[in-house]
N, C-alpha and C. Protein backbone atom coordinates (compact mmCIF):
# COMPACT_ATOMS: atom_id res chain seq x y z
N MET A 1 -29.83 21.01 -25.40
CA MET A 1 -30.65 22.07 -24.84
C MET A 1 -30.94 23.13 -25.92
N VAL A 2 -29.96 23.45 -26.74
CA VAL A 2 -30.16 24.44 -27.80
C VAL A 2 -31.22 23.92 -28.78
N LYS A 3 -31.12 22.66 -29.21
CA LYS A 3 -32.11 22.12 -30.14
C LYS A 3 -33.50 22.15 -29.51
N LYS A 4 -33.59 21.79 -28.26
CA LYS A 4 -34.87 21.77 -27.58
C LYS A 4 -35.49 23.19 -27.48
N THR A 5 -34.65 24.20 -27.33
CA THR A 5 -35.13 25.57 -27.22
C THR A 5 -35.50 26.13 -28.60
N VAL A 6 -34.70 25.86 -29.62
CA VAL A 6 -34.90 26.44 -30.94
C VAL A 6 -36.04 25.77 -31.71
N LYS A 7 -36.17 24.47 -31.59
CA LYS A 7 -37.12 23.72 -32.42
C LYS A 7 -38.54 24.26 -32.39
N PRO A 8 -39.13 24.55 -31.22
CA PRO A 8 -40.50 25.04 -31.23
C PRO A 8 -40.65 26.46 -31.79
N LEU A 9 -39.55 27.17 -31.96
CA LEU A 9 -39.61 28.53 -32.49
C LEU A 9 -39.46 28.63 -34.00
N LYS A 10 -38.91 27.55 -34.60
CA LYS A 10 -38.70 27.56 -36.04
C LYS A 10 -40.04 27.72 -36.75
N GLY A 11 -40.04 28.58 -37.77
CA GLY A 11 -41.25 28.80 -38.57
C GLY A 11 -42.22 29.79 -37.94
N LYS A 12 -41.94 30.26 -36.77
CA LYS A 12 -42.81 31.26 -36.11
C LYS A 12 -42.29 32.66 -36.47
N ASP A 13 -43.07 33.65 -36.17
CA ASP A 13 -42.71 35.01 -36.49
C ASP A 13 -41.84 35.63 -35.40
N VAL A 14 -40.68 35.03 -35.19
CA VAL A 14 -39.71 35.49 -34.22
C VAL A 14 -38.30 35.35 -34.81
N ALA A 15 -37.40 36.18 -34.33
CA ALA A 15 -36.00 36.01 -34.68
C ALA A 15 -35.34 35.19 -33.54
N ILE A 16 -34.67 34.17 -33.93
CA ILE A 16 -33.99 33.31 -32.95
C ILE A 16 -32.58 33.81 -32.77
N MET A 17 -32.31 34.43 -31.63
CA MET A 17 -31.04 35.04 -31.33
C MET A 17 -30.35 34.29 -30.20
N ALA A 18 -29.05 34.12 -30.36
CA ALA A 18 -28.26 33.46 -29.31
C ALA A 18 -27.12 34.39 -28.89
N GLN A 19 -26.66 34.19 -27.67
CA GLN A 19 -25.59 35.02 -27.11
C GLN A 19 -24.42 34.12 -26.74
N ASP A 20 -23.23 34.64 -27.05
CA ASP A 20 -21.99 33.98 -26.63
C ASP A 20 -20.87 35.00 -26.63
N HIS A 21 -19.68 34.54 -26.46
CA HIS A 21 -18.50 35.40 -26.39
C HIS A 21 -17.53 34.99 -27.46
N SER A 22 -16.69 35.93 -27.88
CA SER A 22 -15.64 35.61 -28.88
C SER A 22 -14.35 35.15 -28.19
N GLY A 23 -14.25 35.29 -26.91
CA GLY A 23 -13.07 34.80 -26.21
C GLY A 23 -12.65 35.66 -25.03
N TRP A 24 -12.51 36.96 -25.23
CA TRP A 24 -11.99 37.87 -24.22
C TRP A 24 -12.69 37.75 -22.88
N HIS A 25 -13.98 37.85 -22.87
CA HIS A 25 -14.75 37.87 -21.62
C HIS A 25 -14.54 36.55 -20.81
N MET A 26 -14.68 35.46 -21.48
CA MET A 26 -14.51 34.18 -20.77
C MET A 26 -13.06 33.96 -20.36
N ALA A 27 -12.13 34.44 -21.17
CA ALA A 27 -10.71 34.29 -20.83
C ALA A 27 -10.36 35.03 -19.53
N PHE A 28 -10.84 36.27 -19.39
CA PHE A 28 -10.47 36.97 -18.17
C PHE A 28 -11.22 36.41 -16.95
N GLN A 29 -12.40 35.84 -17.18
CA GLN A 29 -13.06 35.18 -16.05
C GLN A 29 -12.30 33.93 -15.61
N VAL A 30 -11.90 33.12 -16.56
CA VAL A 30 -11.15 31.91 -16.25
C VAL A 30 -9.82 32.25 -15.60
N ARG A 31 -9.20 33.34 -16.07
CA ARG A 31 -7.90 33.76 -15.57
C ARG A 31 -7.97 34.37 -14.17
N GLY A 32 -9.16 34.79 -13.78
CA GLY A 32 -9.32 35.32 -12.42
C GLY A 32 -9.42 36.84 -12.37
N GLY A 33 -9.64 37.47 -13.53
CA GLY A 33 -9.84 38.92 -13.56
C GLY A 33 -9.20 39.58 -14.76
N ILE A 34 -9.80 40.72 -15.12
CA ILE A 34 -9.28 41.48 -16.26
C ILE A 34 -7.83 41.87 -15.98
N ASP A 35 -7.54 42.31 -14.77
CA ASP A 35 -6.20 42.78 -14.44
C ASP A 35 -5.16 41.71 -14.70
N LYS A 36 -5.43 40.49 -14.31
CA LYS A 36 -4.47 39.41 -14.49
C LYS A 36 -4.21 39.13 -15.96
N LEU A 37 -5.28 39.09 -16.75
CA LEU A 37 -5.12 38.82 -18.17
C LEU A 37 -4.39 39.95 -18.88
N LEU A 38 -4.70 41.19 -18.52
CA LEU A 38 -4.01 42.33 -19.12
C LEU A 38 -2.51 42.31 -18.79
N ILE A 39 -2.18 41.97 -17.58
CA ILE A 39 -0.75 41.86 -17.19
C ILE A 39 -0.09 40.76 -17.97
N ASP A 40 -0.79 39.61 -18.16
CA ASP A 40 -0.26 38.53 -18.98
C ASP A 40 0.00 38.99 -20.40
N MET A 41 -0.95 39.78 -20.94
CA MET A 41 -0.81 40.28 -22.32
C MET A 41 0.44 41.13 -22.45
N TYR A 42 0.76 41.84 -21.44
CA TYR A 42 1.95 42.74 -21.44
C TYR A 42 3.23 41.96 -21.18
N ARG A 43 3.22 41.14 -20.12
CA ARG A 43 4.45 40.46 -19.66
C ARG A 43 4.73 39.16 -20.39
N ARG A 44 3.66 38.42 -20.74
CA ARG A 44 3.81 37.10 -21.38
C ARG A 44 2.88 37.02 -22.58
N PRO A 45 3.11 37.82 -23.61
CA PRO A 45 2.14 37.92 -24.69
C PRO A 45 1.87 36.59 -25.44
N GLN A 46 2.89 35.77 -25.64
CA GLN A 46 2.65 34.52 -26.35
C GLN A 46 1.75 33.59 -25.52
N LEU A 47 2.01 33.54 -24.22
CA LEU A 47 1.19 32.73 -23.33
C LEU A 47 -0.26 33.24 -23.30
N ALA A 48 -0.42 34.55 -23.20
CA ALA A 48 -1.74 35.16 -23.18
C ALA A 48 -2.50 34.88 -24.49
N GLU A 49 -1.78 35.04 -25.60
CA GLU A 49 -2.39 34.79 -26.91
C GLU A 49 -2.88 33.35 -27.05
N SER A 50 -2.04 32.43 -26.61
CA SER A 50 -2.42 31.03 -26.66
C SER A 50 -3.60 30.70 -25.75
N PHE A 51 -3.57 31.28 -24.57
CA PHE A 51 -4.66 31.06 -23.59
C PHE A 51 -5.97 31.61 -24.12
N ILE A 52 -5.96 32.85 -24.61
CA ILE A 52 -7.19 33.46 -25.14
C ILE A 52 -7.70 32.65 -26.34
N ARG A 53 -6.80 32.21 -27.17
CA ARG A 53 -7.19 31.41 -28.35
C ARG A 53 -7.88 30.10 -27.93
N ARG A 54 -7.34 29.46 -26.92
CA ARG A 54 -7.93 28.20 -26.45
C ARG A 54 -9.33 28.42 -25.87
N VAL A 55 -9.48 29.50 -25.10
CA VAL A 55 -10.81 29.83 -24.57
C VAL A 55 -11.74 30.17 -25.72
N ALA A 56 -11.26 30.94 -26.71
CA ALA A 56 -12.08 31.29 -27.86
C ALA A 56 -12.49 30.03 -28.64
N ASP A 57 -11.63 29.04 -28.74
CA ASP A 57 -11.98 27.80 -29.43
C ASP A 57 -13.22 27.18 -28.80
N ILE A 58 -13.28 27.20 -27.49
CA ILE A 58 -14.45 26.64 -26.77
C ILE A 58 -15.70 27.48 -27.07
N CYS A 59 -15.56 28.79 -26.99
CA CYS A 59 -16.69 29.67 -27.29
C CYS A 59 -17.18 29.47 -28.72
N ILE A 60 -16.26 29.39 -29.65
CA ILE A 60 -16.61 29.21 -31.05
C ILE A 60 -17.25 27.85 -31.32
N GLY A 61 -16.83 26.85 -30.57
CA GLY A 61 -17.49 25.54 -30.65
C GLY A 61 -18.95 25.64 -30.24
N MET A 62 -19.23 26.39 -29.21
CA MET A 62 -20.60 26.60 -28.79
C MET A 62 -21.38 27.37 -29.81
N ILE A 63 -20.75 28.39 -30.39
CA ILE A 63 -21.39 29.17 -31.44
C ILE A 63 -21.75 28.29 -32.65
N LYS A 64 -20.84 27.42 -33.04
CA LYS A 64 -21.12 26.49 -34.15
C LYS A 64 -22.35 25.64 -33.82
N LEU A 65 -22.37 25.11 -32.61
CA LEU A 65 -23.50 24.28 -32.20
C LEU A 65 -24.81 25.08 -32.28
N MET A 66 -24.81 26.31 -31.81
CA MET A 66 -26.03 27.14 -31.84
C MET A 66 -26.46 27.41 -33.28
N MET A 67 -25.51 27.70 -34.14
CA MET A 67 -25.82 27.97 -35.56
C MET A 67 -26.39 26.71 -36.22
N ASP A 68 -25.79 25.58 -35.94
CA ASP A 68 -26.29 24.31 -36.50
C ASP A 68 -27.69 23.97 -36.04
N CYS A 69 -28.07 24.49 -34.88
CA CYS A 69 -29.41 24.24 -34.34
C CYS A 69 -30.44 25.22 -34.85
N GLY A 70 -30.04 26.22 -35.64
CA GLY A 70 -31.01 27.13 -36.24
C GLY A 70 -31.05 28.53 -35.73
N VAL A 71 -30.07 28.93 -34.95
CA VAL A 71 -30.01 30.32 -34.50
C VAL A 71 -29.87 31.23 -35.72
N GLU A 72 -30.60 32.35 -35.72
CA GLU A 72 -30.67 33.21 -36.88
C GLU A 72 -29.89 34.53 -36.71
N VAL A 73 -29.60 34.90 -35.49
CA VAL A 73 -28.81 36.13 -35.18
C VAL A 73 -27.91 35.78 -34.03
N LEU A 74 -26.66 36.23 -34.10
CA LEU A 74 -25.71 35.98 -33.03
C LEU A 74 -25.36 37.28 -32.35
N PHE A 75 -25.37 37.23 -31.03
CA PHE A 75 -25.10 38.41 -30.18
C PHE A 75 -23.83 38.10 -29.39
N ILE A 76 -22.73 38.80 -29.70
CA ILE A 76 -21.45 38.59 -29.04
C ILE A 76 -21.33 39.65 -27.93
N THR A 77 -21.15 39.22 -26.69
CA THR A 77 -21.33 40.15 -25.59
C THR A 77 -20.09 40.35 -24.70
N ASP A 78 -18.93 40.42 -25.30
CA ASP A 78 -17.72 40.73 -24.51
C ASP A 78 -17.67 42.25 -24.31
N ASP A 79 -17.47 42.72 -23.09
CA ASP A 79 -17.26 44.15 -22.82
C ASP A 79 -15.78 44.47 -23.00
N TYR A 80 -15.50 45.61 -23.64
CA TYR A 80 -14.13 45.99 -23.94
C TYR A 80 -13.69 47.29 -23.29
N ALA A 81 -14.58 48.02 -22.59
CA ALA A 81 -14.19 49.34 -22.14
C ALA A 81 -14.93 49.76 -20.88
N ASP A 82 -14.37 50.79 -20.24
CA ASP A 82 -15.09 51.47 -19.18
C ASP A 82 -15.54 52.82 -19.73
N CYS A 83 -15.94 53.73 -18.88
CA CYS A 83 -16.45 55.02 -19.32
C CYS A 83 -15.40 55.84 -20.05
N HIS A 84 -14.16 55.60 -19.79
CA HIS A 84 -13.10 56.45 -20.31
C HIS A 84 -12.41 55.92 -21.56
N SER A 85 -12.14 54.63 -21.56
CA SER A 85 -11.35 54.06 -22.67
C SER A 85 -11.48 52.55 -22.66
N PRO A 86 -11.02 51.91 -23.77
CA PRO A 86 -10.97 50.45 -23.78
C PRO A 86 -10.02 49.94 -22.66
N PHE A 87 -10.29 48.73 -22.22
CA PHE A 87 -9.46 48.10 -21.20
C PHE A 87 -8.04 47.83 -21.72
N MET A 88 -7.90 47.65 -23.03
CA MET A 88 -6.60 47.36 -23.61
C MET A 88 -6.34 48.37 -24.74
N SER A 89 -5.12 48.51 -25.08
CA SER A 89 -4.76 49.44 -26.17
C SER A 89 -5.34 48.90 -27.48
N PRO A 90 -5.53 49.79 -28.45
CA PRO A 90 -5.98 49.29 -29.78
C PRO A 90 -5.03 48.25 -30.35
N GLU A 91 -3.73 48.37 -30.10
CA GLU A 91 -2.78 47.37 -30.61
C GLU A 91 -3.01 46.01 -29.97
N PHE A 92 -3.25 46.02 -28.63
CA PHE A 92 -3.55 44.73 -27.95
C PHE A 92 -4.87 44.19 -28.43
N PHE A 93 -5.84 45.04 -28.62
CA PHE A 93 -7.15 44.58 -29.14
C PHE A 93 -6.95 43.91 -30.48
N ARG A 94 -6.22 44.53 -31.37
CA ARG A 94 -5.97 43.93 -32.71
C ARG A 94 -5.25 42.60 -32.59
N ARG A 95 -4.34 42.51 -31.67
CA ARG A 95 -3.54 41.27 -31.56
C ARG A 95 -4.30 40.14 -30.86
N PHE A 96 -4.90 40.45 -29.73
CA PHE A 96 -5.44 39.40 -28.86
C PHE A 96 -6.92 39.08 -29.08
N GLU A 97 -7.73 40.05 -29.43
CA GLU A 97 -9.19 39.81 -29.51
C GLU A 97 -9.72 39.83 -30.93
N LEU A 98 -9.26 40.73 -31.76
CA LEU A 98 -9.81 40.87 -33.09
C LEU A 98 -9.75 39.58 -33.93
N PRO A 99 -8.67 38.80 -33.84
CA PRO A 99 -8.69 37.53 -34.62
C PRO A 99 -9.84 36.60 -34.21
N ASN A 100 -10.21 36.61 -32.93
CA ASN A 100 -11.32 35.75 -32.49
C ASN A 100 -12.65 36.30 -32.98
N ILE A 101 -12.82 37.62 -32.94
CA ILE A 101 -14.05 38.20 -33.49
C ILE A 101 -14.15 37.84 -34.98
N LYS A 102 -13.03 37.95 -35.68
CA LYS A 102 -13.05 37.63 -37.11
C LYS A 102 -13.39 36.17 -37.35
N ARG A 103 -12.91 35.30 -36.53
CA ARG A 103 -13.26 33.87 -36.69
C ARG A 103 -14.76 33.65 -36.54
N VAL A 104 -15.38 34.34 -35.55
CA VAL A 104 -16.82 34.22 -35.36
C VAL A 104 -17.54 34.79 -36.57
N ILE A 105 -17.11 35.94 -37.04
CA ILE A 105 -17.75 36.57 -38.21
C ILE A 105 -17.66 35.69 -39.44
N ASP A 106 -16.48 35.17 -39.69
CA ASP A 106 -16.29 34.29 -40.86
C ASP A 106 -17.22 33.10 -40.80
N LEU A 107 -17.35 32.50 -39.65
CA LEU A 107 -18.25 31.38 -39.45
C LEU A 107 -19.69 31.79 -39.69
N ALA A 108 -20.10 32.89 -39.15
CA ALA A 108 -21.48 33.38 -39.31
C ALA A 108 -21.81 33.75 -40.74
N GLU A 109 -20.84 34.38 -41.43
CA GLU A 109 -21.05 34.76 -42.83
C GLU A 109 -21.30 33.57 -43.72
N LYS A 110 -20.64 32.45 -43.44
CA LYS A 110 -20.84 31.23 -44.23
C LYS A 110 -22.28 30.74 -44.13
N LYS A 111 -22.93 31.06 -43.00
CA LYS A 111 -24.31 30.60 -42.77
C LYS A 111 -25.31 31.72 -42.97
N GLY A 112 -24.85 32.91 -43.33
CA GLY A 112 -25.74 34.04 -43.54
C GLY A 112 -26.33 34.58 -42.26
N ILE A 113 -25.61 34.47 -41.17
CA ILE A 113 -26.13 34.90 -39.86
C ILE A 113 -25.50 36.24 -39.47
N PRO A 114 -26.31 37.26 -39.24
CA PRO A 114 -25.76 38.54 -38.84
C PRO A 114 -25.25 38.52 -37.40
N ILE A 115 -24.28 39.37 -37.12
CA ILE A 115 -23.68 39.43 -35.80
C ILE A 115 -23.85 40.84 -35.22
N LEU A 116 -24.36 40.88 -34.01
CA LEU A 116 -24.45 42.09 -33.24
C LEU A 116 -23.39 42.03 -32.17
N LYS A 117 -22.81 43.15 -31.81
CA LYS A 117 -21.76 43.20 -30.80
C LYS A 117 -22.20 44.09 -29.65
N HIS A 118 -22.05 43.59 -28.43
CA HIS A 118 -22.30 44.40 -27.24
C HIS A 118 -20.99 44.78 -26.58
N SER A 119 -20.87 46.01 -26.23
CA SER A 119 -19.82 46.44 -25.31
C SER A 119 -20.22 47.78 -24.74
N ASP A 120 -20.17 47.87 -23.45
CA ASP A 120 -20.38 49.17 -22.82
C ASP A 120 -19.08 49.95 -22.88
N GLY A 121 -19.15 51.21 -22.48
CA GLY A 121 -17.96 52.03 -22.34
C GLY A 121 -17.55 52.70 -23.63
N ASN A 122 -16.42 53.38 -23.56
CA ASN A 122 -15.89 54.13 -24.67
C ASN A 122 -15.09 53.20 -25.58
N ILE A 123 -15.77 52.67 -26.58
CA ILE A 123 -15.13 51.73 -27.52
C ILE A 123 -14.66 52.44 -28.79
N TYR A 124 -14.78 53.76 -28.84
CA TYR A 124 -14.44 54.48 -30.08
C TYR A 124 -13.04 54.22 -30.57
N PRO A 125 -12.02 54.08 -29.71
CA PRO A 125 -10.69 53.82 -30.24
C PRO A 125 -10.54 52.45 -30.95
N ILE A 126 -11.46 51.53 -30.71
CA ILE A 126 -11.37 50.19 -31.35
C ILE A 126 -12.58 49.91 -32.24
N LEU A 127 -13.52 50.81 -32.32
CA LEU A 127 -14.73 50.60 -33.09
C LEU A 127 -14.48 50.33 -34.57
N ASP A 128 -13.59 51.09 -35.18
CA ASP A 128 -13.31 50.87 -36.58
C ASP A 128 -12.81 49.46 -36.87
N TYR A 129 -12.04 48.87 -35.98
CA TYR A 129 -11.58 47.51 -36.16
C TYR A 129 -12.72 46.52 -36.18
N MET A 130 -13.68 46.73 -35.28
CA MET A 130 -14.86 45.84 -35.22
C MET A 130 -15.68 45.98 -36.48
N VAL A 131 -15.86 47.18 -36.95
CA VAL A 131 -16.67 47.41 -38.16
C VAL A 131 -15.97 46.78 -39.37
N GLU A 132 -14.67 47.00 -39.47
CA GLU A 132 -13.88 46.42 -40.58
C GLU A 132 -13.93 44.90 -40.55
N ALA A 133 -14.00 44.32 -39.37
CA ALA A 133 -14.06 42.87 -39.23
C ALA A 133 -15.40 42.31 -39.71
N GLY A 134 -16.44 43.16 -39.70
CA GLY A 134 -17.74 42.72 -40.19
C GLY A 134 -18.87 42.72 -39.19
N ILE A 135 -18.68 43.33 -38.03
CA ILE A 135 -19.78 43.44 -37.06
C ILE A 135 -20.95 44.19 -37.69
N GLY A 136 -22.15 43.66 -37.61
CA GLY A 136 -23.29 44.25 -38.26
C GLY A 136 -24.03 45.29 -37.44
N GLY A 137 -23.80 45.36 -36.14
CA GLY A 137 -24.47 46.32 -35.28
C GLY A 137 -23.84 46.33 -33.92
N ILE A 138 -23.99 47.45 -33.22
CA ILE A 138 -23.42 47.62 -31.89
C ILE A 138 -24.56 47.86 -30.90
N HIS A 139 -24.49 47.21 -29.75
CA HIS A 139 -25.45 47.39 -28.66
C HIS A 139 -24.70 47.92 -27.47
N ARG A 140 -25.31 48.93 -26.84
CA ARG A 140 -24.75 49.49 -25.60
C ARG A 140 -25.87 49.61 -24.60
N SER A 141 -25.55 49.43 -23.34
CA SER A 141 -26.54 49.45 -22.27
C SER A 141 -27.00 50.87 -22.00
N ASN A 142 -28.29 51.05 -21.70
CA ASN A 142 -28.80 52.33 -21.26
C ASN A 142 -28.25 52.72 -19.90
N LEU A 143 -27.92 51.74 -19.09
CA LEU A 143 -27.37 51.98 -17.77
C LEU A 143 -26.08 52.80 -17.86
N GLU A 144 -25.35 52.59 -18.97
CA GLU A 144 -24.08 53.30 -19.17
C GLU A 144 -24.28 54.82 -19.13
N ARG A 145 -25.36 55.30 -19.69
CA ARG A 145 -25.61 56.76 -19.70
C ARG A 145 -25.71 57.30 -18.29
N TRP A 146 -26.26 56.51 -17.40
CA TRP A 146 -26.42 56.95 -16.02
C TRP A 146 -25.09 56.85 -15.26
N ILE A 147 -24.33 55.82 -15.53
CA ILE A 147 -23.10 55.60 -14.80
C ILE A 147 -21.96 56.51 -15.35
N CYS A 148 -21.88 56.66 -16.65
CA CYS A 148 -20.77 57.37 -17.29
C CYS A 148 -21.22 58.78 -17.64
N LYS A 149 -21.17 59.65 -16.69
CA LYS A 149 -21.52 61.04 -16.95
C LYS A 149 -20.27 61.76 -17.42
N THR A 150 -20.25 62.01 -18.75
CA THR A 150 -19.05 62.63 -19.35
C THR A 150 -19.25 64.10 -19.60
């Protein structure tokens, strides 16, 4: 499906962008909610780390496929925060999610593909980690301004 979508766009005056996740978003969906995964991260960190890594492996496999088909920009769309703060502490972010972001970035850099990151909410406590990892740009929803009146 990716080849079929990308092929007619190659050589045209468009940027071919694809969207996927680095692991966190899909992991909490598969686990049955953010709350369950966060509790696992606290109570059973090795199990949570292994689980998130396995989900990230699947996401990264899809990212590889999209890159091999000619995607030119990658948009990673895991949300990390609400209006007040990140869902997890900066330490948990560094341990459980940042390695997967870095894996995506390393893969993209080998192919010269820039990465944009989406996350709504107050990501400032973890933003430096994302920038240091190599995120090329941040996207936030306009809806957030309406919802998060600070």
